[in-house]
C-alpha atoms as a PDB file:
ATOM      1  CA  MET A   1      10.499 -15.737  -8.064  1.00  0.00           C
ATOM      2  CA  ASN A   2       7.850 -16.670  -5.574  1.00  0.00           C
ATOM      3  CA  ARG A   3       7.191 -13.306  -3.881  1.00  0.00           C
ATOM      4  CA  ALA A   4       7.070  -9.588  -4.629  1.00  0.00           C
ATOM      5  CA  ILE A   5       6.732  -6.819  -2.054  1.00  0.00           C
ATOM      6  CA  ILE A   6       5.843  -3.538  -3.758  1.00  0.00           C
ATOM      7  CA  PHE A   7       6.000  -0.065  -2.154  1.00  0.00           C
ATOM      8  CA  ILE A   8       4.264   3.006  -3.606  1.00  0.00           C
ATOM      9  CA  THR A   9       4.962   6.523  -2.311  1.00  0.00           C
ATOM     10  CA  GLY A  10       2.692   9.499  -1.754  1.00  0.00           C
ATOM     11  CA  PHE A  11       2.421  12.822  -3.561  1.00  0.00           C
ATOM     12  CA  THR A  12       5.356  14.799  -2.123  1.00  0.00           C
ATOM     13  CA  GLN A  13       7.637  11.937  -1.169  1.00  0.00           C
ATOM     14  CA  ASP A  14      10.313  12.806  -3.699  1.00  0.00           C
ATOM     15  CA  LEU A  15      11.340  16.195  -2.337  1.00  0.00           C
ATOM     16  CA  GLY A  16      14.825  15.136  -1.220  1.00  0.00           C
ATOM     17  CA  VAL A  17      14.019  14.216   2.379  1.00  0.00           C
ATOM     18  CA  ARG A  18      14.121  10.571   3.486  1.00  0.00           C
ATOM     19  CA  THR A  19      10.572   9.395   4.156  1.00  0.00           C
ATOM     20  CA  GLY A  20       8.979   7.011   6.608  1.00  0.00           C
ATOM     21  CA  LEU A  21       7.973   4.763   3.719  1.00  0.00           C
ATOM     22  CA  GLU A  22      11.600   4.541   2.589  1.00  0.00           C
ATOM     23  CA  MET A  23      12.667   3.649   6.132  1.00  0.00           C
ATOM     24  CA  LEU A  24      10.002   0.943   6.240  1.00  0.00           C
ATOM     25  CA  TRP A  25      11.120  -0.316   2.811  1.00  0.00           C
ATOM     26  CA  GLU A  26      14.701  -0.571   4.111  1.00  0.00           C
ATOM     27  CA  LYS A  27      13.557  -2.751   7.046  1.00  0.00           C
ATOM     28  CA  VAL A  28      11.480  -4.968   4.750  1.00  0.00           C
ATOM     29  CA  HIS A  29      14.305  -5.203   2.201  1.00  0.00           C
ATOM     30  CA  GLU A  30      16.764  -6.352   4.890  1.00  0.00           C
ATOM     31  CA  ILE A  31      14.373  -9.071   6.071  1.00  0.00           C
ATOM     32  CA  TYR A  32      12.857 -10.364   2.816  1.00  0.00           C
ATOM     33  CA  ALA A  33      14.991  -9.537  -0.241  1.00  0.00           C
ATOM     34  CA  THR A  34      16.428 -12.734  -1.734  1.00  0.00           C
ATOM     35  CA  PRO A  35      16.807 -14.119  -5.255  1.00  0.00           C
ATOM     36  CA  ARG A  36      13.281 -15.577  -4.798  1.00  0.00           C
ATOM     37  CA  CYS A  37      11.700 -12.432  -3.277  1.00  0.00           C
ATOM     38  CA  CYS A  38      11.654  -9.150  -5.196  1.00  0.00           C
ATOM     39  CA  VAL A  39      11.628  -5.997  -3.012  1.00  0.00           C
ATOM     40  CA  PRO A  40      12.341  -3.119  -5.430  1.00  0.00           C
ATOM     41  CA  PRO A  41      12.822   0.451  -4.167  1.00  0.00           C
ATOM     42  CA  PRO A  42       9.553   2.368  -3.708  1.00  0.00           C
ATOM     43  CA  TYR A  43       7.825   3.487  -6.890  1.00  0.00           C
ATOM     44  CA  ARG A  44       6.241   6.939  -7.189  1.00  0.00           C
ATOM     45  CA  TRP A  45       2.458   7.104  -7.063  1.00  0.00           C
ATOM     46  CA  LYS A  46       2.464   8.218 -10.723  1.00  0.00           C
ATOM     47  CA  HIS A  47       4.313   5.092 -11.889  1.00  0.00           C
ATOM     48  CA  ARG A  48       2.134   3.140 -14.320  1.00  0.00           C
ATOM     49  CA  PRO A  49       0.374   0.252 -12.519  1.00  0.00           C
ATOM     50  CA  LYS A  50       0.233  -1.570 -15.858  1.00  0.00           C
ATOM     51  CA  HIS A  51       4.048  -1.873 -15.932  1.00  0.00           C
ATOM     52  CA  ILE A  52       4.286  -3.310 -12.428  1.00  0.00           C
ATOM     53  CA  ALA A  53       1.422  -5.746 -13.075  1.00  0.00           C
ATOM     54  CA  SER A  54       3.133  -6.853 -16.288  1.00  0.00           C
ATOM     55  CA  PHE A  55       6.434  -7.411 -14.449  1.00  0.00           C
ATOM     56  CA  ILE A  56       4.633  -9.498 -11.822  1.00  0.00           C
ATOM     57  CA  ARG A  57       2.849 -11.618 -14.435  1.00  0.00           C
ATOM     58  CA  ARG A  58       6.143 -12.302 -16.212  1.00  0.00           C
ATOM     59  CA  ASN A  59       8.369 -12.898 -13.186  1.00  0.00           C
ATOM     60  CA  ILE A  60       6.389 -14.041 -10.143  1.00  0.00           C
ATOM     61  CA  ASP A  61       5.241 -17.666  -9.980  1.00  0.00           C
ATOM     62  CA  LEU A  62       1.530 -18.128 -10.644  1.00  0.00           C
ATOM     63  CA  GLU A  63       0.980 -19.136  -7.002  1.00  0.00           C
ATOM     64  CA  GLY A  64       3.533 -16.573  -5.747  1.00  0.00           C
ATOM     65  CA  ARG A  65       2.784 -14.123  -2.978  1.00  0.00           C
ATOM     66  CA  ILE A  66       2.239 -10.452  -3.821  1.00  0.00           C
ATOM     67  CA  ASP A  67       2.252  -7.867  -1.041  1.00  0.00           C
ATOM     68  CA  VAL A  68       1.628  -4.153  -1.595  1.00  0.00           C
ATOM     69  CA  ILE A  69       2.305  -1.210   0.734  1.00  0.00           C
ATOM     70  CA  CYS A  70       1.009   2.211  -0.373  1.00  0.00           C
ATOM     71  CA  TYR A  71       0.938   5.638   1.227  1.00  0.00           C
ATOM     72  CA  SER A  72      -1.341   8.611   0.495  1.00  0.00           C
ATOM     73  CA  TYR A  73      -1.832   9.024  -3.300  1.00  0.00           C
ATOM     74  CA  GLY A  74      -0.106   5.670  -3.695  1.00  0.00           C
ATOM     75  CA  GLY A  75      -3.025   4.074  -1.861  1.00  0.00           C
ATOM     76  CA  GLY A  76      -5.842   6.279  -3.116  1.00  0.00           C
ATOM     77  CA  VAL A  77      -4.823   6.830  -6.747  1.00  0.00           C
ATOM     78  CA  TRP A  78      -2.297   4.155  -7.764  1.00  0.00           C
ATOM     79  CA  PHE A  79      -3.625   1.146  -5.854  1.00  0.00           C
ATOM     80  CA  PRO A  80      -7.181   1.031  -7.319  1.00  0.00           C
ATOM     81  CA  LYS A  81      -5.672   1.100 -10.838  1.00  0.00           C
ATOM     82  CA  PHE A  82      -3.174  -1.641  -9.942  1.00  0.00           C
ATOM     83  CA  ASN A  83      -5.933  -3.709  -8.325  1.00  0.00           C
ATOM     84  CA  ASP A  84      -7.889  -3.478 -11.607  1.00  0.00           C
ATOM     85  CA  GLU A  85      -4.784  -4.289 -13.665  1.00  0.00           C
ATOM     86  CA  ILE A  86      -3.749  -7.415 -11.704  1.00  0.00           C
ATOM     87  CA  ARG A  87      -7.251  -8.760 -11.013  1.00  0.00           C
ATOM     88  CA  GLY A  88      -7.990 -12.075 -12.626  1.00  0.00           C
ATOM     89  CA  THR A  89      -4.313 -12.885 -13.204  1.00  0.00           C
ATOM     90  CA  ARG A  90      -2.866 -12.928  -9.682  1.00  0.00           C
ATOM     91  CA  GLN A  91      -4.193 -12.924  -6.121  1.00  0.00           C
ATOM     92  CA  LEU A  92      -2.929 -10.100  -3.948  1.00  0.00           C
ATOM     93  CA  HIS A  93      -1.940 -11.543  -0.614  1.00  0.00           C
ATOM     94  CA  THR A  94      -1.427  -8.641   1.793  1.00  0.00           C
ATOM     95  CA  VAL A  95      -2.216  -4.997   1.120  1.00  0.00           C
ATOM     96  CA  ASN A  96      -1.347  -2.189   3.542  1.00  0.00           C
ATOM     97  CA  LEU A  97      -2.827   1.206   2.673  1.00  0.00           C
ATOM     98  CA  ILE A  98      -1.450   4.033   4.799  1.00  0.00           C
ATOM     99  CA  ASP A  99      -3.914   6.966   4.849  1.00  0.00           C
ATOM    100  CA  PRO A 100      -4.927   6.368   1.197  1.00  0.00           C
ATOM    101  CA  VAL A 101      -6.048   9.622  -0.430  1.00  0.00           C
ATOM    102  CA  PRO A 102      -7.920   9.703  -3.771  1.00  0.00           C
ATOM    103  CA  ARG A 103      -6.785  12.328  -6.260  1.00  0.00           C
ATOM    104  CA  PHE A 104     -10.014  14.323  -6.402  1.00  0.00           C
ATOM    105  CA  ARG A 105     -10.415  15.238  -2.766  1.00  0.00           C
ATOM    106  CA  PRO A 106     -13.691  17.177  -3.197  1.00  0.00           C
ATOM    107  CA  LEU A 107     -15.337  13.811  -3.916  1.00  0.00           C
ATOM    108  CA  ASN A 108     -14.350  12.708  -0.410  1.00  0.00           C
ATOM    109  CA  TRP A 109     -17.125  14.948   0.863  1.00  0.00           C
ATOM    110  CA  LEU A 110     -19.562  12.740  -1.028  1.00  0.00           C
ATOM    111  CA  GLY A 111     -18.337   9.662   0.802  1.00  0.00           C
ATOM    112  CA  MET A 112     -16.128   8.248  -1.960  1.00  0.00           C
ATOM    113  CA  LYS A 113     -14.132   5.328  -0.586  1.00  0.00           C
ATOM    114  CA  VAL A 114     -10.957   3.684  -1.874  1.00  0.00           C
ATOM    115  CA  PRO A 115     -11.972   0.299  -3.354  1.00  0.00           C
ATOM    116  CA  VAL A 116     -10.032  -2.762  -2.195  1.00  0.00           C
ATOM    117  CA  TYR A 117     -11.145  -6.083  -3.648  1.00  0.00           C
ATOM    118  CA  ASP A 118     -10.000  -9.671  -4.098  1.00  0.00           C
ATOM    119  CA  VAL A 119      -7.280  -9.417  -1.447  1.00  0.00           C
ATOM    120  CA  LYS A 120      -6.509 -12.145   1.102  1.00  0.00           C
ATOM    121  CA  ALA A 121      -5.580  -9.702   3.900  1.00  0.00           C
ATOM    122  CA  ALA A 122      -6.096  -5.928   3.804  1.00  0.00           C
ATOM    123  CA  HIS A 123      -4.912  -3.399   6.369  1.00  0.00           C
ATOM    124  CA  ALA A 124      -5.855   0.269   6.247  1.00  0.00           C
ATOM    125  CA  HIS A 125      -4.209   2.848   8.505  1.00  0.00           C
ATOM    126  CA  TYR A 126      -6.036   6.161   8.956  1.00  0.00           C
ATOM    127  CA  GLN A 127      -5.433   9.459  10.723  1.00  0.00           C
ATOM    128  CA  THR A 128      -8.003  12.118  11.570  1.00  0.00           C
ATOM    129  CA  ARG A 129      -5.818  15.066  12.623  1.00  0.00           C
ATOM    130  CA  ASP A 130      -5.388  16.956   9.380  1.00  0.00           C
ATOM    131  CA  VAL A 131      -5.844  16.980   5.618  1.00  0.00           C
ATOM    132  CA  PRO A 132      -5.357  15.370   3.296  1.00  0.00           C
ATOM    133  CA  ARG A 133      -6.957  12.384   4.962  1.00  0.00           C
ATOM    134  CA  SER A 134      -8.375   9.135   3.752  1.00  0.00           C
ATOM    135  CA  PRO A 135     -12.110   8.837   3.116  1.00  0.00           C
ATOM    136  CA  ARG A 136     -11.657   5.206   4.268  1.00  0.00           C
ATOM    137  CA  CYS A 137     -11.722   2.037   2.193  1.00  0.00           C
ATOM    138  CA  LYS A 138     -14.476  -0.128   0.778  1.00  0.00           C
ATOM    139  CA  PHE A 139     -13.529  -3.801   1.134  1.00  0.00           C
ATOM    140  CA  ILE A 140     -15.045  -6.108  -1.500  1.00  0.00           C
ATOM    141  CA  ARG A 141     -14.402  -9.866  -1.560  1.00  0.00           C
ATOM    142  CA  CYS A 142     -11.487  -9.532   0.846  1.00  0.00           C
ATOM    143  CA  GLY A 143     -10.505 -12.219   3.312  1.00  0.00           C
ATOM    144  CA  ASP A 144      -9.437 -10.529   6.512  1.00  0.00           C
ATOM    145  CA  HIS A 145      -9.466  -6.780   6.688  1.00  0.00           C
ATOM    146  CA  VAL A 146      -8.390  -4.607   9.577  1.00  0.00           C
ATOM    147  CA  GLU A 147      -8.787  -0.881   9.933  1.00  0.00           C
ATOM    148  CA  HIS A 148      -6.324   0.891  12.229  1.00  0.00           C
ATOM    149  CA  LEU A 149      -7.260   4.357  13.471  1.00  0.00           C
ATOM    150  CA  MET A 150      -4.244   6.304  14.711  1.00  0.00           C
ATOM    151  CA  ASP A 151      -4.372   8.514  17.784  1.00  0.00           C
ATOM    152  CA  PRO A 152      -5.238  12.199  17.205  1.00  0.00           C
ATOM    153  CA  ALA A 153      -1.596  13.314  17.549  1.00  0.00           C
ATOM    154  CA  VAL A 154      -0.653  11.600  14.265  1.00  0.00           C
ATOM    155  CA  GLY A 155      -1.150  13.616  11.096  1.00  0.00           C
ATOM    156  CA  HIS A 156      -0.963  12.752   7.404  1.00  0.00           C
ATOM    157  CA  SER A 157       2.666  13.767   6.935  1.00  0.00           C
ATOM    158  CA  ASP A 158       3.913  11.582   9.817  1.00  0.00           C
ATOM    159  CA  ILE A 159       1.680   8.504   9.633  1.00  0.00           C
ATOM    160  CA  ASP A 160       4.044   6.738   7.194  1.00  0.00           C
ATOM    161  CA  ASN A 161       6.812   7.059   9.787  1.00  0.00           C
ATOM    162  CA  HIS A 162       4.754   6.013  12.798  1.00  0.00           C
ATOM    163  CA  GLU A 163       6.066   3.108  14.871  1.00  0.00           C
ATOM    164  CA  LYS A 164       2.608   1.467  15.087  1.00  0.00           C
ATOM    165  CA  VAL A 165       2.223   1.535  11.295  1.00  0.00           C
ATOM    166  CA  HIS A 166       5.690   0.045  10.730  1.00  0.00           C
ATOM    167  CA  LYS A 167       5.037  -2.666  13.325  1.00  0.00           C
ATOM    168  CA  SER A 168       1.646  -3.503  11.803  1.00  0.00           C
ATOM    169  CA  VAL A 169       3.045  -3.703   8.250  1.00  0.00           C
ATOM    170  CA  LEU A 170       5.963  -5.916   9.320  1.00  0.00           C
ATOM    171  CA  GLU A 171       3.586  -8.177  11.252  1.00  0.00           C
ATOM    172  CA  SER A 172       1.211  -8.473   8.285  1.00  0.00           C
ATOM    173  CA  LEU A 173       4.092  -9.411   5.982  1.00  0.00           C
ATOM    174  CA  ARG A 174       5.265 -12.027   8.474  1.00  0.00           C
ATOM    175  CA  ASN A 175       1.848 -13.502   9.350  1.00  0.00           C
ATOM    176  CA  GLY A 176      -0.351 -12.294   6.494  1.00  0.00           C
END
């Protein structure tokens, strides 16, 4: 395979209600899923990053494209571990973090940021209406990085279903 597009859900996104991230995954799956492009269903934020990194190393061409879309705990807890796990073996092409929230929220008050490094194109989508909310990202050795601040009407529970976020993610996967 020459491409993998990985989705990681947030904390409460398995409560039986269809989520915005799942709707976005469905759009991406329809456009990109082929025998050469792996677009598996979204993984939970607690899924072991080591297993996904191992799958990628075994099945995606060395020069293959790897895109990652994460929401909430998926971006703040899972993604930094995955970034550590895959670093040095594969280049992440496009990463979209949707209001990434680290697990230990009290540390947010100390200015803790979600680390994003060695990525060709990084997009971070934030909201400021309610909590939990992202403490923002720290971009290290990234090519392009864009930070999108949503309007005040958008809160944490609806940002993954927001039209602007879906449009931005689809555009980054197309142009990234």
